[in-house]
Amino acid sequence: MPRVGSRKNPPAILNVWYGGQDAGNAIADVLFGDYNPSGKLPVTFYAKDSDLPPFNSYEMKNRTYRYFDGEVLYPFGYGLSYTTFNYELVSNSQTVKSNGTVSIDVMVRNTGKRAGEDVVQLYVSNSDYDGQKPLYALKAFERISLKAGESHQVKFNLSPEQFAIVDAAGIPKVTPGKHKLYIGSTSPTRTKAQRLPLLEQELVITK
């Protein structure tokens, strides 16, 4: 695979991974526009090797999208399409108790000229927790298929466990305080790539 960072702002990169015996036909379908791609990255592509921690370090700092605080080439959850999507929050900011369920509604519209699929992703960040914690973590996602101009409302119902952070003793706990929700076509990681829709919503959890 060529170095993806060797050219600034390439129009697109088709990452096929292990395409299987029919990979040639599948690649041709994408390149000639017979199939609209909708895959999302399950890993992070860092901008440079120096961003990575030492190989013999077992600390989580700067490892994976959950703990890396820099700018990457292509973030976890990223992936382009031949169409475009617009996201709009339907639900407002909320205050809930630590044992309550949170409902998040987002309206997604296909703003392009052809049908396509997108993966709506929801990440949670705990702003007020003082211990070691992820910057944010994927807690829910849903794949949707929309015709050109079509809209669809996606609802996520988050349980208290999805806001919990594992403490030093290995016990998951829901910490009262401010949490931030990110909903969009990719993770919140800062990137050099083309921006995709990403919304933010604050949530306050009380005792």
C-alpha atoms as a PDB file:
ATOM      1  CA  MET A   1       0.000   0.000   0.000  1.00  0.00           C
ATOM      2  CA  PRO A   2       1.424   3.457  -0.895  1.00  0.00           C
ATOM      3  CA  ARG A   3       2.042   5.962   1.841  1.00  0.00           C
ATOM      4  CA  VAL A   4      -1.254   7.812   2.204  1.00  0.00           C
ATOM      5  CA  GLY A   5       0.573  10.844   3.565  1.00  0.00           C
ATOM      6  CA  SER A   6       2.914  11.197   0.598  1.00  0.00           C
ATOM      7  CA  ARG A   7       0.535  13.458  -1.316  1.00  0.00           C
ATOM      8  CA  LYS A   8      -1.436  16.307   0.185  1.00  0.00           C
ATOM      9  CA  ASN A   9      -5.204  16.196  -0.227  1.00  0.00           C
ATOM     10  CA  PRO A  10      -5.645  13.326  -2.715  1.00  0.00           C
ATOM     11  CA  PRO A  11      -9.185  13.244  -4.184  1.00  0.00           C
ATOM     12  CA  ALA A  12      -9.810   9.824  -2.630  1.00  0.00           C
ATOM     13  CA  ILE A  13      -8.137   6.673  -1.347  1.00  0.00           C
ATOM     14  CA  LEU A  14      -9.785   3.298  -1.852  1.00  0.00           C
ATOM     15  CA  ASN A  15      -8.672   1.020   0.969  1.00  0.00           C
ATOM     16  CA  VAL A  16      -9.689  -2.518   0.058  1.00  0.00           C
ATOM     17  CA  TRP A  17      -8.071  -4.481   2.910  1.00  0.00           C
ATOM     18  CA  TYR A  18      -8.615  -8.196   2.088  1.00  0.00           C
ATOM     19  CA  GLY A  19     -10.962  -8.006  -0.865  1.00  0.00           C
ATOM     20  CA  GLY A  20     -11.378 -11.721  -1.472  1.00  0.00           C
ATOM     21  CA  GLN A  21     -11.660 -13.546  -4.804  1.00  0.00           C
ATOM     22  CA  ASP A  22     -14.170 -11.047  -6.244  1.00  0.00           C
ATOM     23  CA  ALA A  23     -12.192  -7.969  -5.202  1.00  0.00           C
ATOM     24  CA  GLY A  24     -11.505  -6.905  -8.805  1.00  0.00           C
ATOM     25  CA  ASN A  25     -15.198  -6.675  -9.671  1.00  0.00           C
ATOM     26  CA  ALA A  26     -15.997  -4.927  -6.392  1.00  0.00           C
ATOM     27  CA  ILE A  27     -13.260  -2.326  -6.908  1.00  0.00           C
ATOM     28  CA  ALA A  28     -14.422  -1.718 -10.485  1.00  0.00           C
ATOM     29  CA  ASP A  29     -17.995  -1.178  -9.275  1.00  0.00           C
ATOM     30  CA  VAL A  30     -16.790   1.520  -6.866  1.00  0.00           C
ATOM     31  CA  LEU A  31     -14.386   3.228  -9.291  1.00  0.00           C
ATOM     32  CA  PHE A  32     -16.958   3.416 -12.085  1.00  0.00           C
ATOM     33  CA  GLY A  33     -19.745   4.583  -9.787  1.00  0.00           C
ATOM     34  CA  ASP A  34     -21.929   1.482  -9.983  1.00  0.00           C
ATOM     35  CA  TYR A  35     -21.693   1.124  -6.201  1.00  0.00           C
ATOM     36  CA  ASN A  36     -21.710   3.964  -3.673  1.00  0.00           C
ATOM     37  CA  PRO A  37     -19.146   3.184  -0.921  1.00  0.00           C
ATOM     38  CA  SER A  38     -20.188   3.564   2.706  1.00  0.00           C
ATOM     39  CA  GLY A  39     -17.488   1.827   4.752  1.00  0.00           C
ATOM     40  CA  LYS A  40     -16.013   3.362   7.913  1.00  0.00           C
ATOM     41  CA  LEU A  41     -12.483   2.928   9.246  1.00  0.00           C
ATOM     42  CA  PRO A  42     -12.151   0.552  12.226  1.00  0.00           C
ATOM     43  CA  VAL A  43      -8.705   2.010  12.999  1.00  0.00           C
ATOM     44  CA  THR A  44      -6.892   5.367  13.078  1.00  0.00           C
ATOM     45  CA  PHE A  45      -4.412   6.442  10.403  1.00  0.00           C
ATOM     46  CA  TYR A  46      -1.901   8.688  12.171  1.00  0.00           C
ATOM     47  CA  ALA A  47      -0.307  11.632  10.387  1.00  0.00           C
ATOM     48  CA  LYS A  48       3.263  10.610  11.235  1.00  0.00           C
ATOM     49  CA  ASP A  49       5.171   7.898  13.080  1.00  0.00           C
ATOM     50  CA  SER A  50       6.375  10.320  15.743  1.00  0.00           C
ATOM     51  CA  ASP A  51       2.786  10.667  16.965  1.00  0.00           C
ATOM     52  CA  LEU A  52       2.849   7.077  18.184  1.00  0.00           C
ATOM     53  CA  PRO A  53       4.082   6.216  21.700  1.00  0.00           C
ATOM     54  CA  PRO A  54       7.219   4.064  22.123  1.00  0.00           C
ATOM     55  CA  PHE A  55       6.684   0.440  21.126  1.00  0.00           C
ATOM     56  CA  ASN A  56       7.731  -0.791  24.571  1.00  0.00           C
ATOM     57  CA  SER A  57       5.319   1.534  26.393  1.00  0.00           C
ATOM     58  CA  TYR A  58       2.093   0.008  27.672  1.00  0.00           C
ATOM     59  CA  GLU A  59       0.454   3.298  28.648  1.00  0.00           C
ATOM     60  CA  MET A  60      -2.797   4.152  26.895  1.00  0.00           C
ATOM     61  CA  LYS A  61      -1.864   7.807  26.283  1.00  0.00           C
ATOM     62  CA  ASN A  62      -1.940   8.576  22.540  1.00  0.00           C
ATOM     63  CA  ARG A  63      -3.120   5.063  21.711  1.00  0.00           C
ATOM     64  CA  THR A  64      -6.242   4.549  19.583  1.00  0.00           C
ATOM     65  CA  TYR A  65      -8.876   7.179  18.905  1.00  0.00           C
ATOM     66  CA  ARG A  66      -9.970   7.012  22.562  1.00  0.00           C
ATOM     67  CA  TYR A  67      -6.732   8.479  23.929  1.00  0.00           C
ATOM     68  CA  PHE A  68      -5.002  10.283  21.037  1.00  0.00           C
ATOM     69  CA  ASP A  69      -5.209  14.064  21.443  1.00  0.00           C
ATOM     70  CA  GLY A  70      -3.496  15.179  18.223  1.00  0.00           C
ATOM     71  CA  GLU A  71      -4.451  15.646  14.581  1.00  0.00           C
ATOM     72  CA  VAL A  72      -4.609  12.493  12.474  1.00  0.00           C
ATOM     73  CA  LEU A  73      -4.613  11.754   8.781  1.00  0.00           C
ATOM     74  CA  TYR A  74      -7.837   9.723   8.814  1.00  0.00           C
ATOM     75  CA  PRO A  75      -9.743   9.148  12.068  1.00  0.00           C
ATOM     76  CA  PHE A  76     -11.525   6.115  13.425  1.00  0.00           C
ATOM     77  CA  GLY A  77     -15.041   5.922  11.951  1.00  0.00           C
ATOM     78  CA  TYR A  78     -14.110   7.924   8.843  1.00  0.00           C
ATOM     79  CA  GLY A  79     -15.270   7.108   5.318  1.00  0.00           C
ATOM     80  CA  LEU A  80     -16.382   9.027   2.228  1.00  0.00           C
ATOM     81  CA  SER A  81     -19.340   8.514  -0.097  1.00  0.00           C
ATOM     82  CA  TYR A  82     -20.396   9.673  -3.554  1.00  0.00           C
ATOM     83  CA  THR A  83     -23.209  11.593  -1.878  1.00  0.00           C
ATOM     84  CA  THR A  84     -23.364  13.982   1.082  1.00  0.00           C
ATOM     85  CA  PHE A  85     -25.353  14.026   4.311  1.00  0.00           C
ATOM     86  CA  ASN A  86     -26.629  16.717   6.652  1.00  0.00           C
ATOM     87  CA  TYR A  87     -27.182  16.144  10.379  1.00  0.00           C
ATOM     88  CA  GLU A  88     -29.547  18.074  12.648  1.00  0.00           C
ATOM     89  CA  LEU A  89     -30.246  17.477  16.326  1.00  0.00           C
ATOM     90  CA  VAL A  90     -33.927  17.019  17.143  1.00  0.00           C
ATOM     91  CA  SER A  91     -33.567  16.551  20.919  1.00  0.00           C
ATOM     92  CA  ASN A  92     -32.379  19.352  23.205  1.00  0.00           C
ATOM     93  CA  SER A  93     -29.764  19.369  25.974  1.00  0.00           C
ATOM     94  CA  GLN A  94     -30.827  17.184  28.870  1.00  0.00           C
ATOM     95  CA  THR A  95     -30.371  16.681  32.583  1.00  0.00           C
ATOM     96  CA  VAL A  96     -30.865  13.124  33.787  1.00  0.00           C
ATOM     97  CA  LYS A  97     -30.257  11.092  36.938  1.00  0.00           C
ATOM     98  CA  SER A  98     -27.407   8.595  37.080  1.00  0.00           C
ATOM     99  CA  ASN A  99     -29.855   5.674  36.851  1.00  0.00           C
ATOM    100  CA  GLY A 100     -31.897   7.177  34.031  1.00  0.00           C
ATOM    101  CA  THR A 101     -32.051   6.491  30.292  1.00  0.00           C
ATOM    102  CA  VAL A 102     -31.057   9.146  27.765  1.00  0.00           C
ATOM    103  CA  SER A 103     -32.799   9.490  24.398  1.00  0.00           C
ATOM    104  CA  ILE A 104     -31.012  11.278  21.570  1.00  0.00           C
ATOM    105  CA  ASP A 105     -32.740  12.060  18.261  1.00  0.00           C
ATOM    106  CA  VAL A 106     -30.962  13.237  15.123  1.00  0.00           C
ATOM    107  CA  MET A 107     -32.363  13.933  11.664  1.00  0.00           C
ATOM    108  CA  VAL A 108     -30.150  12.811   8.779  1.00  0.00           C
ATOM    109  CA  ARG A 109     -30.781  14.030   5.218  1.00  0.00           C
ATOM    110  CA  ASN A 110     -29.186  12.895   1.998  1.00  0.00           C
ATOM    111  CA  THR A 111     -28.225  16.213   0.404  1.00  0.00           C
ATOM    112  CA  GLY A 112     -26.561  14.700  -2.671  1.00  0.00           C
ATOM    113  CA  LYS A 113     -27.863  13.607  -6.062  1.00  0.00           C
ATOM    114  CA  ARG A 114     -27.728   9.843  -5.580  1.00  0.00           C
ATOM    115  CA  ALA A 115     -28.792   7.231  -3.064  1.00  0.00           C
ATOM    116  CA  GLY A 116     -26.324   6.245  -0.384  1.00  0.00           C
ATOM    117  CA  GLU A 117     -25.742   4.789   3.063  1.00  0.00           C
ATOM    118  CA  ASP A 118     -24.203   6.372   6.129  1.00  0.00           C
ATOM    119  CA  VAL A 119     -23.271   5.072   9.562  1.00  0.00           C
ATOM    120  CA  VAL A 120     -24.612   7.394  12.267  1.00  0.00           C
ATOM    121  CA  GLN A 121     -22.156   7.248  15.174  1.00  0.00           C
ATOM    122  CA  LEU A 122     -22.577   8.400  18.783  1.00  0.00           C
ATOM    123  CA  TYR A 123     -19.598   9.051  21.075  1.00  0.00           C
ATOM    124  CA  VAL A 124     -19.624   9.954  24.776  1.00  0.00           C
ATOM    125  CA  SER A 125     -17.077  12.113  26.616  1.00  0.00           C
ATOM    126  CA  ASN A 126     -17.034  12.586  30.405  1.00  0.00           C
ATOM    127  CA  SER A 127     -15.903  16.175  31.016  1.00  0.00           C
ATOM    128  CA  ASP A 128     -15.895  16.238  34.839  1.00  0.00           C
ATOM    129  CA  TYR A 129     -14.197  12.930  35.709  1.00  0.00           C
ATOM    130  CA  ASP A 130     -10.740  13.569  37.218  1.00  0.00           C
ATOM    131  CA  GLY A 131      -9.170  10.129  36.812  1.00  0.00           C
ATOM    132  CA  GLN A 132      -7.783   8.443  33.713  1.00  0.00           C
ATOM    133  CA  LYS A 133     -10.470   8.350  31.079  1.00  0.00           C
ATOM    134  CA  PRO A 134     -10.944   8.133  27.328  1.00  0.00           C
ATOM    135  CA  LEU A 135     -11.288  11.426  25.471  1.00  0.00           C
ATOM    136  CA  TYR A 136     -14.464   9.912  24.034  1.00  0.00           C
ATOM    137  CA  ALA A 137     -15.748   6.437  23.214  1.00  0.00           C
ATOM    138  CA  LEU A 138     -18.137   4.994  20.647  1.00  0.00           C
ATOM    139  CA  LYS A 139     -21.340   3.940  22.416  1.00  0.00           C
ATOM    140  CA  ALA A 140     -23.884   3.447  19.629  1.00  0.00           C
ATOM    141  CA  PHE A 141     -24.201   3.448  15.852  1.00  0.00           C
ATOM    142  CA  GLU A 142     -26.793   2.762  13.168  1.00  0.00           C
ATOM    143  CA  ARG A 143     -26.440   2.261   9.423  1.00  0.00           C
ATOM    144  CA  ILE A 144     -29.127   3.969   7.340  1.00  0.00           C
ATOM    145  CA  SER A 145     -29.898   4.003   3.609  1.00  0.00           C
ATOM    146  CA  LEU A 146     -31.351   7.151   2.042  1.00  0.00           C
ATOM    147  CA  LYS A 147     -32.448   8.077  -1.455  1.00  0.00           C
ATOM    148  CA  ALA A 148     -31.389  11.460  -2.825  1.00  0.00           C
ATOM    149  CA  GLY A 149     -33.221  14.163  -0.858  1.00  0.00           C
ATOM    150  CA  GLU A 150     -34.662  11.674   1.649  1.00  0.00           C
ATOM    151  CA  SER A 151     -34.502  12.219   5.434  1.00  0.00           C
ATOM    152  CA  HIS A 152     -34.603   9.791   8.330  1.00  0.00           C
ATOM    153  CA  GLN A 153     -34.762  10.356  12.099  1.00  0.00           C
ATOM    154  CA  VAL A 154     -32.415   8.177  14.133  1.00  0.00           C
ATOM    155  CA  LYS A 155     -33.060   7.572  17.832  1.00  0.00           C
ATOM    156  CA  PHE A 156     -30.459   6.349  20.302  1.00  0.00           C
ATOM    157  CA  ASN A 157     -31.456   5.202  23.800  1.00  0.00           C
ATOM    158  CA  LEU A 158     -28.438   5.190  26.118  1.00  0.00           C
ATOM    159  CA  SER A 159     -28.447   3.230  29.364  1.00  0.00           C
ATOM    160  CA  PRO A 160     -26.535   4.341  32.509  1.00  0.00           C
ATOM    161  CA  GLU A 161     -23.867   1.701  31.802  1.00  0.00           C
ATOM    162  CA  GLN A 162     -22.944   3.487  28.566  1.00  0.00           C
ATOM    163  CA  PHE A 163     -21.831   6.523  30.585  1.00  0.00           C
ATOM    164  CA  ALA A 164     -19.806   4.538  33.107  1.00  0.00           C
ATOM    165  CA  ILE A 165     -16.025   4.812  33.470  1.00  0.00           C
ATOM    166  CA  VAL A 166     -13.975   1.955  34.907  1.00  0.00           C
ATOM    167  CA  ASP A 167     -12.067   3.176  37.980  1.00  0.00           C
ATOM    168  CA  ALA A 168      -8.633   2.076  39.240  1.00  0.00           C
ATOM    169  CA  ALA A 169     -10.236  -0.888  41.038  1.00  0.00           C
ATOM    170  CA  GLY A 170     -11.824  -2.110  37.816  1.00  0.00           C
ATOM    171  CA  ILE A 171     -15.355  -1.092  38.828  1.00  0.00           C
ATOM    172  CA  PRO A 172     -17.537   0.747  36.270  1.00  0.00           C
ATOM    173  CA  LYS A 173     -19.148   3.832  37.780  1.00  0.00           C
ATOM    174  CA  VAL A 174     -21.438   6.558  36.459  1.00  0.00           C
ATOM    175  CA  THR A 175     -19.990   9.892  37.549  1.00  0.00           C
ATOM    176  CA  PRO A 176     -22.355  12.855  38.019  1.00  0.00           C
ATOM    177  CA  GLY A 177     -21.413  15.962  36.076  1.00  0.00           C
ATOM    178  CA  LYS A 178     -21.112  17.216  32.522  1.00  0.00           C
ATOM    179  CA  HIS A 179     -20.898  14.810  29.622  1.00  0.00           C
ATOM    180  CA  LYS A 180     -20.570  15.667  25.958  1.00  0.00           C
ATOM    181  CA  LEU A 181     -22.210  13.703  23.163  1.00  0.00           C
ATOM    182  CA  TYR A 182     -20.888  13.674  19.599  1.00  0.00           C
ATOM    183  CA  ILE A 183     -23.182  12.452  16.817  1.00  0.00           C
ATOM    184  CA  GLY A 184     -22.108  12.274  13.197  1.00  0.00           C
ATOM    185  CA  SER A 185     -20.459  10.475  10.277  1.00  0.00           C
ATOM    186  CA  THR A 186     -17.106  10.045  12.039  1.00  0.00           C
ATOM    187  CA  SER A 187     -15.363  10.242  15.394  1.00  0.00           C
ATOM    188  CA  PRO A 188     -14.521  13.640  16.970  1.00  0.00           C
ATOM    189  CA  THR A 189     -10.772  13.201  16.380  1.00  0.00           C
ATOM    190  CA  ARG A 190      -9.163  16.231  14.729  1.00  0.00           C
ATOM    191  CA  THR A 191      -8.161  15.400  11.161  1.00  0.00           C
ATOM    192  CA  LYS A 192      -6.398  16.758   8.103  1.00  0.00           C
ATOM    193  CA  ALA A 193      -8.992  15.063   5.876  1.00  0.00           C
ATOM    194  CA  GLN A 194     -12.211  16.423   4.427  1.00  0.00           C
ATOM    195  CA  ARG A 195     -14.613  17.250   7.233  1.00  0.00           C
ATOM    196  CA  LEU A 196     -17.719  15.137   7.734  1.00  0.00           C
ATOM    197  CA  PRO A 197     -20.894  16.083   9.668  1.00  0.00           C
ATOM    198  CA  LEU A 198     -20.435  16.028  13.448  1.00  0.00           C
ATOM    199  CA  LEU A 199     -22.782  17.493  16.074  1.00  0.00           C
ATOM    200  CA  GLU A 200     -22.211  18.160  19.771  1.00  0.00           C
ATOM    201  CA  GLN A 201     -24.687  18.104  22.648  1.00  0.00           C
ATOM    202  CA  GLU A 202     -24.103  18.615  26.354  1.00  0.00           C
ATOM    203  CA  LEU A 203     -25.643  16.324  28.934  1.00  0.00           C
ATOM    204  CA  VAL A 204     -25.661  16.757  32.728  1.00  0.00           C
ATOM    205  CA  ILE A 205     -25.962  13.685  34.947  1.00  0.00           C
ATOM    206  CA  THR A 206     -27.114  14.218  38.530  1.00  0.00           C
ATOM    207  CA  LYS A 207     -27.133  11.902  41.540  1.00  0.00           C
END
